[in-house]
Amino acid sequence: MLDVDLHVHTNKSPCGLHSLLEILGLARDLGMSMLAITDHDVGNGHGIRVLSYRFPKEWQGVHVLAGIEFSILDGGKIKLPGSVKIDELDICLAGFHPESRTIRDNRVKCTDDLEAVLNNYPFIDIISHPTLTGFDLEHERCAKILARHGVAIEVNNSSLRYEKEKKENLLSLLKHCISFRVPVAINSDAHTAVELGQDEMTLPLIKQAAVPAELIVNSSVDQALAFIDKRRANKKKS
């Protein structure tokens, strides 16, 4: 079970089932310490905006981070919902999603787009489900890009659970990320109550890859806050 989960969806995402308070109540009951609410970039973003400035940073003992998950579009672009203000957010994720791209099954072009999105949008902190089937990357080149930008790679429990990523591809990418000292985030990508904080797929893989503890950005609340504070300057510039 994760104590800190930096990738969680509510029903403000089209694919999320539960309200914010339902998710936070479950996190409290599970004994979790911190959640990042990272709803998708669809629609006008009013839910993200309200969370970012009107909701407390702690709710019944659970630290609450306001975030967003962007889709990496063709050409390395993202779509920012009109009401969202980046400098009010704590954390920003970006990943490939099948419904948002026409370019697929091309590691070179996907890696080109990853590089472009980090060059163009320096406020992105974590690349979510990075070896998603159909959108795998050039692993060594990807690790070098992430290291240059100080951006974390995600090990995603849900994508492994539902076989949206192949373990061998993620292990290959992690090997290069370790070599280049890329930060690693272990997240549930929860869309339902039964997924929140789960790490039954990620924990064995992290052990198999021998990821050093100091690279894991959400191993504790303090580690997560240190990573977020280090990245915050990039949001102030946006």
Foldseek 3Di string as FASTA:
>chain_A
DALEAEAEEDVVAVLFDHHPVVQVVLSVVVNHAEYEHAHEQDDQCPVLLCCLPPNDCADPRHGYFREYEWEQEQPQDTDHRNNDQLLSGLAYEYEHDVVRYPQWPDQVRLLVSVLSNCVVQLLHAEYEPACFVRRHHPQLSSLVSQLVSLHEYEDEQVCVVVVRGDLVSVLSNLLNNQVSLRAYEYHQNDRDSVRHPDCPPPVVSCVVSVRDPLRYQRNDPVSVVVSSVVSSVSSVVD
